[in-house]
Amino acid sequence: MKEQLATFRTQLEEFARKHKAEGFVTVEQVERKFSWSTGRAIDVLETLLKEGLAMIDDGHRDGKRRYWFPCVTLSSDSTGADAKS
């Protein structure tokens, strides 16, 4: 299970990188992209949340929870100057 979760995590981190312009993913986006069940998508997203790799936003007017990945956004946005410090 731990190995499978690591694979899911890697897939999801890559997906989050591709959605960097939005800055977040939803359970529905993850379900569609990976053909995962709702339960699997939530389990993986919640695990990343517990590990501190994701943050949640429940305040959107459509009521859908958004999972933000600041670690992906920040590392992807780093410039050479930032990398030196």
C-alpha atoms as a PDB file:
ATOM      1  CA  MET A   1       0.000   0.000   0.000  1.00  0.00           C
ATOM      2  CA  LYS A   2       2.830   2.398   0.847  1.00  0.00           C
ATOM      3  CA  GLU A   3       4.429   1.857  -2.565  1.00  0.00           C
ATOM      4  CA  GLN A   4       1.095   2.359  -4.327  1.00  0.00           C
ATOM      5  CA  LEU A   5       0.501   5.574  -2.389  1.00  0.00           C
ATOM      6  CA  ALA A   6       3.944   6.835  -3.442  1.00  0.00           C
ATOM      7  CA  THR A   7       3.027   6.178  -7.082  1.00  0.00           C
ATOM      8  CA  PHE A   8      -0.298   7.992  -6.681  1.00  0.00           C
ATOM      9  CA  ARG A   9       1.489  10.871  -4.984  1.00  0.00           C
ATOM     10  CA  THR A  10       3.981  11.214  -7.839  1.00  0.00           C
ATOM     11  CA  GLN A  11       1.176  11.164 -10.418  1.00  0.00           C
ATOM     12  CA  LEU A  12      -0.793  13.752  -8.488  1.00  0.00           C
ATOM     13  CA  GLU A  13       2.198  16.057  -7.994  1.00  0.00           C
ATOM     14  CA  GLU A  14       2.827  15.996 -11.752  1.00  0.00           C
ATOM     15  CA  PHE A  15      -0.849  16.732 -12.377  1.00  0.00           C
ATOM     16  CA  ALA A  16      -0.671  19.670  -9.943  1.00  0.00           C
ATOM     17  CA  ARG A  17       2.381  21.033 -11.792  1.00  0.00           C
ATOM     18  CA  LYS A  18       0.412  20.986 -15.034  1.00  0.00           C
ATOM     19  CA  HIS A  19      -2.401  22.922 -13.334  1.00  0.00           C
ATOM     20  CA  LYS A  20       0.005  25.466 -11.870  1.00  0.00           C
ATOM     21  CA  ALA A  21      -1.779  28.333 -13.640  1.00  0.00           C
ATOM     22  CA  GLU A  22      -4.933  27.534 -11.671  1.00  0.00           C
ATOM     23  CA  GLY A  23      -2.925  26.717  -8.570  1.00  0.00           C
ATOM     24  CA  PHE A  24      -5.266  23.986  -7.393  1.00  0.00           C
ATOM     25  CA  VAL A  25      -6.946  20.708  -8.271  1.00  0.00           C
ATOM     26  CA  THR A  26     -10.344  19.345  -7.283  1.00  0.00           C
ATOM     27  CA  VAL A  27     -11.404  15.797  -6.509  1.00  0.00           C
ATOM     28  CA  GLU A  28     -13.398  15.763  -9.751  1.00  0.00           C
ATOM     29  CA  GLN A  29     -10.362  16.760 -11.834  1.00  0.00           C
ATOM     30  CA  VAL A  30      -8.286  14.004 -10.248  1.00  0.00           C
ATOM     31  CA  GLU A  31     -11.052  11.425 -10.800  1.00  0.00           C
ATOM     32  CA  ARG A  32     -11.278  12.284 -14.499  1.00  0.00           C
ATOM     33  CA  LYS A  33      -7.532  12.469 -15.108  1.00  0.00           C
ATOM     34  CA  PHE A  34      -6.624   9.162 -13.454  1.00  0.00           C
ATOM     35  CA  SER A  35      -9.950   7.276 -13.691  1.00  0.00           C
ATOM     36  CA  TRP A  36      -9.853   6.967  -9.901  1.00  0.00           C
ATOM     37  CA  SER A  37     -12.845   6.432  -7.671  1.00  0.00           C
ATOM     38  CA  THR A  38     -13.928   9.338  -5.495  1.00  0.00           C
ATOM     39  CA  GLY A  39     -12.627   7.478  -2.446  1.00  0.00           C
ATOM     40  CA  ARG A  40      -9.164   6.937  -3.909  1.00  0.00           C
ATOM     41  CA  ALA A  41      -8.882  10.556  -5.059  1.00  0.00           C
ATOM     42  CA  ILE A  42      -9.895  11.854  -1.639  1.00  0.00           C
ATOM     43  CA  ASP A  43      -7.576   9.427   0.186  1.00  0.00           C
ATOM     44  CA  VAL A  44      -4.535  10.503  -1.822  1.00  0.00           C
ATOM     45  CA  LEU A  45      -5.359  14.214  -1.609  1.00  0.00           C
ATOM     46  CA  GLU A  46      -5.980  13.991   2.131  1.00  0.00           C
ATOM     47  CA  THR A  47      -2.691  12.118   2.606  1.00  0.00           C
ATOM     48  CA  LEU A  48      -0.837  14.910   0.805  1.00  0.00           C
ATOM     49  CA  LEU A  49      -2.683  17.382   3.012  1.00  0.00           C
ATOM     50  CA  LYS A  50      -1.569  15.544   6.164  1.00  0.00           C
ATOM     51  CA  GLU A  51       2.023  15.463   4.873  1.00  0.00           C
ATOM     52  CA  GLY A  52       1.959  19.239   4.495  1.00  0.00           C
ATOM     53  CA  LEU A  53       2.279  19.145   0.704  1.00  0.00           C
ATOM     54  CA  ALA A  54      -1.209  20.480   0.051  1.00  0.00           C
ATOM     55  CA  MET A  55      -3.537  23.051   1.544  1.00  0.00           C
ATOM     56  CA  ILE A  56      -7.315  23.163   1.271  1.00  0.00           C
ATOM     57  CA  ASP A  57      -9.743  25.900   0.374  1.00  0.00           C
ATOM     58  CA  ASP A  58     -13.379  25.263   1.228  1.00  0.00           C
ATOM     59  CA  GLY A  59     -14.475  28.847   0.623  1.00  0.00           C
ATOM     60  CA  HIS A  60     -15.255  28.811  -3.088  1.00  0.00           C
ATOM     61  CA  ARG A  61     -18.791  29.798  -4.042  1.00  0.00           C
ATOM     62  CA  ASP A  62     -19.356  26.525  -5.926  1.00  0.00           C
ATOM     63  CA  GLY A  63     -18.752  24.608  -2.690  1.00  0.00           C
ATOM     64  CA  LYS A  64     -16.056  22.370  -4.178  1.00  0.00           C
ATOM     65  CA  ARG A  65     -12.950  21.813  -2.074  1.00  0.00           C
ATOM     66  CA  ARG A  66      -9.775  22.918  -3.769  1.00  0.00           C
ATOM     67  CA  TYR A  67      -6.406  21.367  -2.982  1.00  0.00           C
ATOM     68  CA  TRP A  68      -3.549  23.808  -3.434  1.00  0.00           C
ATOM     69  CA  PHE A  69       0.039  22.636  -3.857  1.00  0.00           C
ATOM     70  CA  PRO A  70       2.283  25.545  -2.860  1.00  0.00           C
ATOM     71  CA  CYS A  71       5.360  23.298  -2.827  1.00  0.00           C
ATOM     72  CA  VAL A  72       4.832  22.581  -6.531  1.00  0.00           C
ATOM     73  CA  THR A  73       4.085  26.194  -7.405  1.00  0.00           C
ATOM     74  CA  LEU A  74       6.987  27.604  -5.419  1.00  0.00           C
ATOM     75  CA  SER A  75       9.560  25.114  -6.664  1.00  0.00           C
ATOM     76  CA  SER A  76       8.377  25.519 -10.250  1.00  0.00           C
ATOM     77  CA  ASP A  77       8.506  29.321 -10.022  1.00  0.00           C
ATOM     78  CA  SER A  78      12.016  29.516  -8.581  1.00  0.00           C
ATOM     79  CA  THR A  79      14.509  31.550 -10.512  1.00  0.00           C
ATOM     80  CA  GLY A  80      18.245  31.242 -10.545  1.00  0.00           C
ATOM     81  CA  ALA A  81      18.497  34.095  -8.022  1.00  0.00           C
ATOM     82  CA  ASP A  82      16.143  32.338  -5.633  1.00  0.00           C
ATOM     83  CA  ALA A  83      18.012  29.071  -5.967  1.00  0.00           C
ATOM     84  CA  LYS A  84      21.276  30.713  -4.854  1.00  0.00           C
ATOM     85  CA  SER A  85      19.914  31.999  -1.544  1.00  0.00           C
END
